[in-house]
Amino acid sequence: MMWKEKYKVGVELIDTQHEELFKRVSEFIEVVQNENNWEDKIDKVKETMIFMQEYVITHFNSEEIYQEKINYPDLESHKKIHSDFKKMVNDYATILERDGYPKKVVQELAGKLMAWLIMHVAQTDQKIGLYVKHQGGEM
C-alpha cells in the first residue's frame, strides 16, 4: 500500500498527515501478513493501535478545522465519517486487548484500515481539494 501523488488533496498539512498514515498502515500490513512468529508481532500491533487512536484524532481535527475555515459544505457528513472510523478503531482496540490479539482479527483490521484509508483519501478527501479549486481559493 503505497502513497501516490494522486492522493494529494493540495493542502500541505493534510497531505503530510495522509502520507504518514499510509506509511504506518503499510508497515502494519507488512508485519501482520508475514506468517512467522506471531507472538513477536503483538508489540507492533499494540504500537499501531496506539498510533491509530492518537494520530487519527490529530489528523481528523486538522482536517475538520481546515474544512471549517473554508466553509466546506460537506463538513458535517465528513465529521460523521471520521467519527465512525474512530469508533471502529477503538472497538478493535478493545476486542484485541480483551481477546489477546488473535491473528485473524488483527489481519481483518489491517484489511479494513487499508481499504478505509484508500477510499477515504482517494475519494472523500479529494472533494476538499476540488471544492477549494472551484472556489478559486488558496489551499
N, C-alpha and C. Protein backbone atom coordinates (compact mmCIF):
# COMPACT_ATOMS: atom_id res chain seq x y z
N MET A 1 0.86 -1.17 0.00
CA MET A 1 0.00 0.00 0.00
C MET A 1 0.89 1.22 0.00
N MET A 2 1.05 1.80 -1.14
CA MET A 2 1.97 2.91 -1.29
C MET A 2 1.22 4.24 -1.44
N TRP A 3 1.83 5.29 -0.90
CA TRP A 3 1.32 6.64 -1.11
C TRP A 3 1.53 7.00 -2.57
N LYS A 4 0.55 7.63 -3.17
CA LYS A 4 0.63 8.04 -4.56
C LYS A 4 0.35 9.53 -4.65
N GLU A 5 1.00 10.16 -5.58
CA GLU A 5 0.82 11.60 -5.77
C GLU A 5 -0.65 11.95 -6.04
N LYS A 6 -1.37 11.04 -6.68
CA LYS A 6 -2.77 11.32 -7.00
C LYS A 6 -3.64 11.42 -5.75
N TYR A 7 -3.14 10.95 -4.59
CA TYR A 7 -3.88 11.04 -3.35
C TYR A 7 -3.80 12.43 -2.72
N LYS A 8 -2.89 13.26 -3.22
CA LYS A 8 -2.74 14.59 -2.64
C LYS A 8 -4.02 15.40 -2.79
N VAL A 9 -4.37 16.07 -1.71
CA VAL A 9 -5.55 16.95 -1.69
C VAL A 9 -5.14 18.34 -2.13
N GLY A 10 -3.88 18.70 -1.87
CA GLY A 10 -3.40 20.03 -2.22
C GLY A 10 -3.26 20.94 -1.01
N VAL A 11 -3.45 20.37 0.18
CA VAL A 11 -3.28 21.10 1.43
C VAL A 11 -2.10 20.43 2.13
N GLU A 12 -1.00 21.17 2.27
CA GLU A 12 0.26 20.56 2.71
C GLU A 12 0.14 19.78 4.01
N LEU A 13 -0.47 20.37 5.03
CA LEU A 13 -0.59 19.69 6.32
C LEU A 13 -1.37 18.38 6.18
N ILE A 14 -2.49 18.44 5.50
CA ILE A 14 -3.33 17.24 5.32
C ILE A 14 -2.58 16.18 4.51
N ASP A 15 -1.93 16.60 3.44
CA ASP A 15 -1.19 15.64 2.61
C ASP A 15 -0.05 14.99 3.39
N THR A 16 0.66 15.77 4.20
CA THR A 16 1.74 15.22 5.01
C THR A 16 1.19 14.20 6.01
N GLN A 17 0.07 14.53 6.63
CA GLN A 17 -0.54 13.59 7.58
C GLN A 17 -1.04 12.34 6.88
N HIS A 18 -1.61 12.49 5.70
CA HIS A 18 -2.05 11.32 4.93
C HIS A 18 -0.86 10.43 4.60
N GLU A 19 0.24 11.02 4.19
CA GLU A 19 1.43 10.22 3.88
C GLU A 19 1.89 9.41 5.09
N GLU A 20 1.85 10.03 6.26
CA GLU A 20 2.25 9.33 7.48
C GLU A 20 1.29 8.18 7.78
N LEU A 21 0.00 8.41 7.60
CA LEU A 21 -0.98 7.34 7.81
C LEU A 21 -0.74 6.18 6.86
N PHE A 22 -0.49 6.48 5.59
CA PHE A 22 -0.21 5.43 4.61
C PHE A 22 1.04 4.65 5.01
N LYS A 23 2.08 5.36 5.43
CA LYS A 23 3.33 4.71 5.83
C LYS A 23 3.08 3.75 6.99
N ARG A 24 2.40 4.22 8.00
CA ARG A 24 2.17 3.39 9.20
C ARG A 24 1.28 2.20 8.91
N VAL A 25 0.21 2.42 8.15
CA VAL A 25 -0.69 1.30 7.83
C VAL A 25 0.03 0.29 6.94
N SER A 26 0.84 0.77 6.02
CA SER A 26 1.61 -0.14 5.15
C SER A 26 2.56 -1.00 5.97
N GLU A 27 3.26 -0.38 6.92
CA GLU A 27 4.18 -1.13 7.78
C GLU A 27 3.41 -2.17 8.60
N PHE A 28 2.27 -1.78 9.10
CA PHE A 28 1.43 -2.68 9.89
C PHE A 28 0.99 -3.88 9.06
N ILE A 29 0.53 -3.62 7.86
CA ILE A 29 0.07 -4.70 6.97
C ILE A 29 1.22 -5.65 6.65
N GLU A 30 2.39 -5.09 6.39
CA GLU A 30 3.55 -5.92 6.09
C GLU A 30 3.87 -6.86 7.26
N VAL A 31 3.81 -6.34 8.47
CA VAL A 31 4.10 -7.14 9.65
C VAL A 31 3.07 -8.25 9.83
N VAL A 32 1.79 -7.92 9.73
CA VAL A 32 0.76 -8.93 10.03
C VAL A 32 0.56 -9.94 8.91
N GLN A 33 1.01 -9.62 7.70
CA GLN A 33 0.88 -10.60 6.62
C GLN A 33 1.95 -11.69 6.70
N ASN A 34 3.05 -11.37 7.34
CA ASN A 34 4.12 -12.35 7.50
C ASN A 34 3.66 -13.40 8.51
N GLU A 35 3.73 -14.64 8.13
CA GLU A 35 3.18 -15.74 8.94
C GLU A 35 4.07 -16.16 10.12
N ASN A 36 5.32 -15.78 10.10
CA ASN A 36 6.27 -16.27 11.11
C ASN A 36 6.13 -15.55 12.45
N ASN A 37 6.31 -16.31 13.52
CA ASN A 37 6.43 -15.78 14.88
C ASN A 37 5.36 -14.75 15.26
N TRP A 38 4.11 -15.17 15.23
CA TRP A 38 3.01 -14.25 15.53
C TRP A 38 3.18 -13.57 16.89
N GLU A 39 3.62 -14.31 17.87
CA GLU A 39 3.77 -13.74 19.22
C GLU A 39 4.73 -12.56 19.24
N ASP A 40 5.73 -12.59 18.36
CA ASP A 40 6.70 -11.49 18.30
C ASP A 40 6.10 -10.23 17.67
N LYS A 41 4.97 -10.36 17.03
CA LYS A 41 4.36 -9.23 16.32
C LYS A 41 3.36 -8.47 17.17
N ILE A 42 3.00 -9.00 18.27
CA ILE A 42 1.96 -8.37 19.10
C ILE A 42 2.37 -6.98 19.55
N ASP A 43 3.65 -6.76 19.84
CA ASP A 43 4.10 -5.42 20.23
C ASP A 43 3.88 -4.42 19.10
N LYS A 44 4.12 -4.83 17.85
CA LYS A 44 3.89 -3.95 16.70
C LYS A 44 2.40 -3.66 16.55
N VAL A 45 1.58 -4.66 16.80
CA VAL A 45 0.13 -4.47 16.72
C VAL A 45 -0.30 -3.46 17.78
N LYS A 46 0.18 -3.61 19.00
CA LYS A 46 -0.17 -2.67 20.07
C LYS A 46 0.30 -1.26 19.72
N GLU A 47 1.51 -1.16 19.22
CA GLU A 47 2.07 0.14 18.83
C GLU A 47 1.20 0.80 17.75
N THR A 48 0.79 0.02 16.78
CA THR A 48 -0.04 0.55 15.70
C THR A 48 -1.40 1.00 16.22
N MET A 49 -1.98 0.25 17.13
CA MET A 49 -3.28 0.62 17.68
C MET A 49 -3.18 1.94 18.45
N ILE A 50 -2.14 2.10 19.23
CA ILE A 50 -1.95 3.35 19.97
C ILE A 50 -1.78 4.50 18.98
N PHE A 51 -0.94 4.29 17.96
CA PHE A 51 -0.74 5.32 16.95
C PHE A 51 -2.06 5.69 16.28
N MET A 52 -2.81 4.69 15.85
CA MET A 52 -4.07 4.97 15.15
C MET A 52 -5.03 5.73 16.05
N GLN A 53 -5.13 5.33 17.30
CA GLN A 53 -6.06 6.00 18.21
C GLN A 53 -5.65 7.45 18.45
N GLU A 54 -4.36 7.72 18.51
CA GLU A 54 -3.90 9.08 18.78
C GLU A 54 -3.81 9.92 17.52
N TYR A 55 -3.20 9.37 16.47
CA TYR A 55 -2.90 10.16 15.28
C TYR A 55 -4.15 10.51 14.48
N VAL A 56 -5.10 9.59 14.42
CA VAL A 56 -6.31 9.93 13.65
C VAL A 56 -7.05 11.09 14.32
N ILE A 57 -6.98 11.19 15.63
CA ILE A 57 -7.63 12.33 16.30
C ILE A 57 -6.94 13.62 15.86
N THR A 58 -5.61 13.62 15.90
CA THR A 58 -4.84 14.79 15.46
C THR A 58 -5.16 15.12 14.00
N HIS A 59 -5.10 14.11 13.16
CA HIS A 59 -5.34 14.33 11.73
C HIS A 59 -6.77 14.79 11.46
N PHE A 60 -7.73 14.09 12.02
CA PHE A 60 -9.12 14.47 11.78
C PHE A 60 -9.42 15.87 12.27
N ASN A 61 -8.86 16.24 13.42
CA ASN A 61 -9.05 17.61 13.92
C ASN A 61 -8.48 18.63 12.93
N SER A 62 -7.28 18.36 12.41
CA SER A 62 -6.67 19.26 11.43
C SER A 62 -7.55 19.40 10.20
N GLU A 63 -8.03 18.27 9.72
CA GLU A 63 -8.87 18.28 8.52
C GLU A 63 -10.17 19.05 8.76
N GLU A 64 -10.78 18.82 9.90
CA GLU A 64 -12.06 19.46 10.20
C GLU A 64 -11.89 20.96 10.44
N ILE A 65 -10.80 21.36 11.08
CA ILE A 65 -10.53 22.80 11.27
C ILE A 65 -10.35 23.46 9.91
N TYR A 66 -9.61 22.81 9.03
CA TYR A 66 -9.42 23.36 7.68
C TYR A 66 -10.76 23.47 6.95
N GLN A 67 -11.58 22.45 7.06
CA GLN A 67 -12.89 22.48 6.39
C GLN A 67 -13.77 23.61 6.94
N GLU A 68 -13.70 23.84 8.24
CA GLU A 68 -14.45 24.96 8.82
C GLU A 68 -13.95 26.28 8.25
N LYS A 69 -12.63 26.40 8.15
CA LYS A 69 -12.00 27.63 7.66
C LYS A 69 -12.46 27.96 6.24
N ILE A 70 -12.63 26.95 5.41
CA ILE A 70 -13.01 27.19 4.01
C ILE A 70 -14.52 27.08 3.79
N ASN A 71 -15.28 26.92 4.87
CA ASN A 71 -16.74 26.75 4.78
C ASN A 71 -17.12 25.58 3.88
N TYR A 72 -16.46 24.46 4.10
CA TYR A 72 -16.70 23.27 3.29
C TYR A 72 -18.13 22.78 3.51
N PRO A 73 -18.92 22.64 2.44
CA PRO A 73 -20.34 22.30 2.60
C PRO A 73 -20.63 20.91 3.15
N ASP A 74 -19.71 19.97 2.99
CA ASP A 74 -19.94 18.60 3.47
C ASP A 74 -19.26 18.33 4.81
N LEU A 75 -18.97 19.37 5.56
CA LEU A 75 -18.24 19.22 6.82
C LEU A 75 -18.93 18.25 7.77
N GLU A 76 -20.22 18.39 7.96
CA GLU A 76 -20.92 17.54 8.94
C GLU A 76 -20.88 16.06 8.55
N SER A 77 -21.07 15.78 7.27
CA SER A 77 -21.01 14.36 6.86
C SER A 77 -19.57 13.85 6.97
N HIS A 78 -18.61 14.71 6.73
CA HIS A 78 -17.21 14.33 6.86
C HIS A 78 -16.88 14.03 8.32
N LYS A 79 -17.39 14.85 9.22
CA LYS A 79 -17.18 14.61 10.65
C LYS A 79 -17.77 13.26 11.06
N LYS A 80 -18.92 12.92 10.51
CA LYS A 80 -19.58 11.65 10.81
C LYS A 80 -18.72 10.47 10.35
N ILE A 81 -18.15 10.60 9.16
CA ILE A 81 -17.26 9.55 8.63
C ILE A 81 -16.06 9.38 9.55
N HIS A 82 -15.50 10.51 9.97
CA HIS A 82 -14.36 10.45 10.89
C HIS A 82 -14.76 9.80 12.22
N SER A 83 -15.90 10.18 12.73
CA SER A 83 -16.38 9.64 14.00
C SER A 83 -16.58 8.13 13.90
N ASP A 84 -17.15 7.67 12.82
CA ASP A 84 -17.37 6.24 12.61
C ASP A 84 -16.04 5.48 12.55
N PHE A 85 -15.06 6.08 11.89
CA PHE A 85 -13.75 5.43 11.80
C PHE A 85 -13.09 5.35 13.18
N LYS A 86 -13.13 6.44 13.94
CA LYS A 86 -12.55 6.43 15.29
C LYS A 86 -13.21 5.34 16.14
N LYS A 87 -14.53 5.21 16.01
CA LYS A 87 -15.25 4.19 16.76
C LYS A 87 -14.78 2.79 16.35
N MET A 88 -14.62 2.58 15.05
CA MET A 88 -14.18 1.27 14.57
C MET A 88 -12.79 0.95 15.16
N VAL A 89 -11.87 1.89 15.10
CA VAL A 89 -10.52 1.67 15.63
C VAL A 89 -10.59 1.38 17.13
N ASN A 90 -11.36 2.17 17.85
CA ASN A 90 -11.48 1.96 19.30
C ASN A 90 -12.13 0.62 19.63
N ASP A 91 -13.14 0.23 18.84
CA ASP A 91 -13.78 -1.07 19.05
C ASP A 91 -12.79 -2.21 18.84
N TYR A 92 -12.00 -2.11 17.77
CA TYR A 92 -10.99 -3.14 17.52
C TYR A 92 -9.96 -3.17 18.63
N ALA A 93 -9.54 -2.01 19.11
CA ALA A 93 -8.55 -1.95 20.19
C ALA A 93 -9.07 -2.69 21.42
N THR A 94 -10.34 -2.49 21.73
CA THR A 94 -10.95 -3.16 22.88
C THR A 94 -11.00 -4.67 22.67
N ILE A 95 -11.45 -5.08 21.50
CA ILE A 95 -11.56 -6.51 21.18
C ILE A 95 -10.18 -7.17 21.21
N LEU A 96 -9.20 -6.53 20.60
CA LEU A 96 -7.86 -7.12 20.53
C LEU A 96 -7.25 -7.27 21.92
N GLU A 97 -7.38 -6.24 22.72
CA GLU A 97 -6.83 -6.32 24.07
C GLU A 97 -7.53 -7.39 24.89
N ARG A 98 -8.84 -7.43 24.77
CA ARG A 98 -9.63 -8.41 25.53
C ARG A 98 -9.33 -9.84 25.12
N ASP A 99 -9.16 -10.06 23.81
CA ASP A 99 -9.02 -11.42 23.29
C ASP A 99 -7.57 -11.87 23.07
N GLY A 100 -6.61 -11.02 23.42
CA GLY A 100 -5.21 -11.43 23.31
C GLY A 100 -4.61 -11.31 21.92
N TYR A 101 -5.12 -10.40 21.11
CA TYR A 101 -4.56 -10.10 19.78
C TYR A 101 -4.54 -11.31 18.85
N PRO A 102 -5.72 -11.91 18.63
CA PRO A 102 -5.77 -13.06 17.72
C PRO A 102 -5.41 -12.63 16.29
N LYS A 103 -4.62 -13.46 15.65
CA LYS A 103 -4.11 -13.16 14.32
C LYS A 103 -5.23 -12.85 13.33
N LYS A 104 -6.27 -13.65 13.34
CA LYS A 104 -7.37 -13.47 12.38
C LYS A 104 -8.00 -12.08 12.52
N VAL A 105 -8.22 -11.63 13.74
CA VAL A 105 -8.85 -10.33 13.98
C VAL A 105 -7.90 -9.19 13.60
N VAL A 106 -6.62 -9.37 13.90
CA VAL A 106 -5.63 -8.35 13.54
C VAL A 106 -5.54 -8.22 12.02
N GLN A 107 -5.54 -9.34 11.32
CA GLN A 107 -5.49 -9.30 9.85
C GLN A 107 -6.76 -8.69 9.27
N GLU A 108 -7.88 -8.95 9.89
CA GLU A 108 -9.14 -8.33 9.46
C GLU A 108 -9.04 -6.81 9.62
N LEU A 109 -8.54 -6.37 10.75
CA LEU A 109 -8.36 -4.94 11.00
C LEU A 109 -7.42 -4.33 9.96
N ALA A 110 -6.31 -5.00 9.67
CA ALA A 110 -5.35 -4.48 8.70
C ALA A 110 -6.03 -4.24 7.35
N GLY A 111 -6.84 -5.19 6.93
CA GLY A 111 -7.57 -5.03 5.67
C GLY A 111 -8.53 -3.87 5.70
N LYS A 112 -9.23 -3.72 6.82
CA LYS A 112 -10.18 -2.61 6.94
C LYS A 112 -9.47 -1.26 6.96
N LEU A 113 -8.34 -1.19 7.66
CA LEU A 113 -7.58 0.06 7.68
C LEU A 113 -7.13 0.44 6.28
N MET A 114 -6.60 -0.52 5.56
CA MET A 114 -6.12 -0.26 4.21
C MET A 114 -7.26 0.20 3.31
N ALA A 115 -8.35 -0.53 3.30
CA ALA A 115 -9.48 -0.19 2.44
C ALA A 115 -10.05 1.18 2.80
N TRP A 116 -10.24 1.43 4.08
CA TRP A 116 -10.81 2.70 4.51
C TRP A 116 -9.91 3.85 4.12
N LEU A 117 -8.62 3.72 4.38
CA LEU A 117 -7.69 4.81 4.11
C LEU A 117 -7.65 5.14 2.62
N ILE A 118 -7.55 4.12 1.78
CA ILE A 118 -7.52 4.37 0.34
C ILE A 118 -8.82 5.03 -0.11
N MET A 119 -9.94 4.48 0.28
CA MET A 119 -11.24 5.03 -0.15
C MET A 119 -11.43 6.46 0.37
N HIS A 120 -11.08 6.68 1.61
CA HIS A 120 -11.31 7.99 2.20
C HIS A 120 -10.41 9.06 1.57
N VAL A 121 -9.13 8.75 1.46
CA VAL A 121 -8.19 9.73 0.93
C VAL A 121 -8.38 9.92 -0.58
N ALA A 122 -8.56 8.81 -1.30
CA ALA A 122 -8.64 8.88 -2.76
C ALA A 122 -9.99 9.40 -3.26
N GLN A 123 -11.02 9.33 -2.42
CA GLN A 123 -12.33 9.79 -2.88
C GLN A 123 -12.88 10.92 -2.02
N THR A 124 -13.16 10.64 -0.78
CA THR A 124 -13.83 11.61 0.08
C THR A 124 -12.99 12.87 0.27
N ASP A 125 -11.71 12.70 0.62
CA ASP A 125 -10.87 13.87 0.88
C ASP A 125 -10.53 14.64 -0.40
N GLN A 126 -10.56 13.98 -1.53
CA GLN A 126 -10.29 14.68 -2.79
C GLN A 126 -11.33 15.78 -3.04
N LYS A 127 -12.51 15.59 -2.52
CA LYS A 127 -13.57 16.58 -2.71
C LYS A 127 -13.23 17.91 -2.03
N ILE A 128 -12.41 17.85 -0.98
CA ILE A 128 -11.99 19.09 -0.31
C ILE A 128 -11.15 19.92 -1.27
N GLY A 129 -10.15 19.29 -1.89
CA GLY A 129 -9.30 19.99 -2.85
C GLY A 129 -10.09 20.52 -4.03
N LEU A 130 -11.02 19.74 -4.53
CA LEU A 130 -11.85 20.18 -5.65
C LEU A 130 -12.71 21.38 -5.27
N TYR A 131 -13.25 21.34 -4.07
CA TYR A 131 -14.06 22.46 -3.58
C TYR A 131 -13.23 23.74 -3.55
N VAL A 132 -12.03 23.66 -3.01
CA VAL A 132 -11.17 24.85 -2.92
C VAL A 132 -10.84 25.37 -4.32
N LYS A 133 -10.50 24.48 -5.23
CA LYS A 133 -10.18 24.89 -6.60
C LYS A 133 -11.37 25.58 -7.25
N HIS A 134 -12.57 25.03 -7.06
CA HIS A 134 -13.76 25.62 -7.67
C HIS A 134 -14.12 26.97 -7.04
N GLN A 135 -13.71 27.16 -5.80
CA GLN A 135 -13.97 28.44 -5.12
C GLN A 135 -12.93 29.48 -5.51
N GLY A 136 -11.86 29.02 -6.16
CA GLY A 136 -10.79 29.93 -6.54
C GLY A 136 -9.94 30.36 -5.35
N GLY A 137 -10.04 29.58 -4.28
CA GLY A 137 -9.30 29.93 -3.06
C GLY A 137 -7.94 29.28 -3.01
N GLU A 138 -7.22 29.66 -1.97
CA GLU A 138 -5.90 29.09 -1.76
C GLU A 138 -6.02 27.88 -0.85
N MET A 139 -5.13 26.95 -1.08
CA MET A 139 -5.10 25.77 -0.23
C MET A 139 -3.98 25.96 0.75
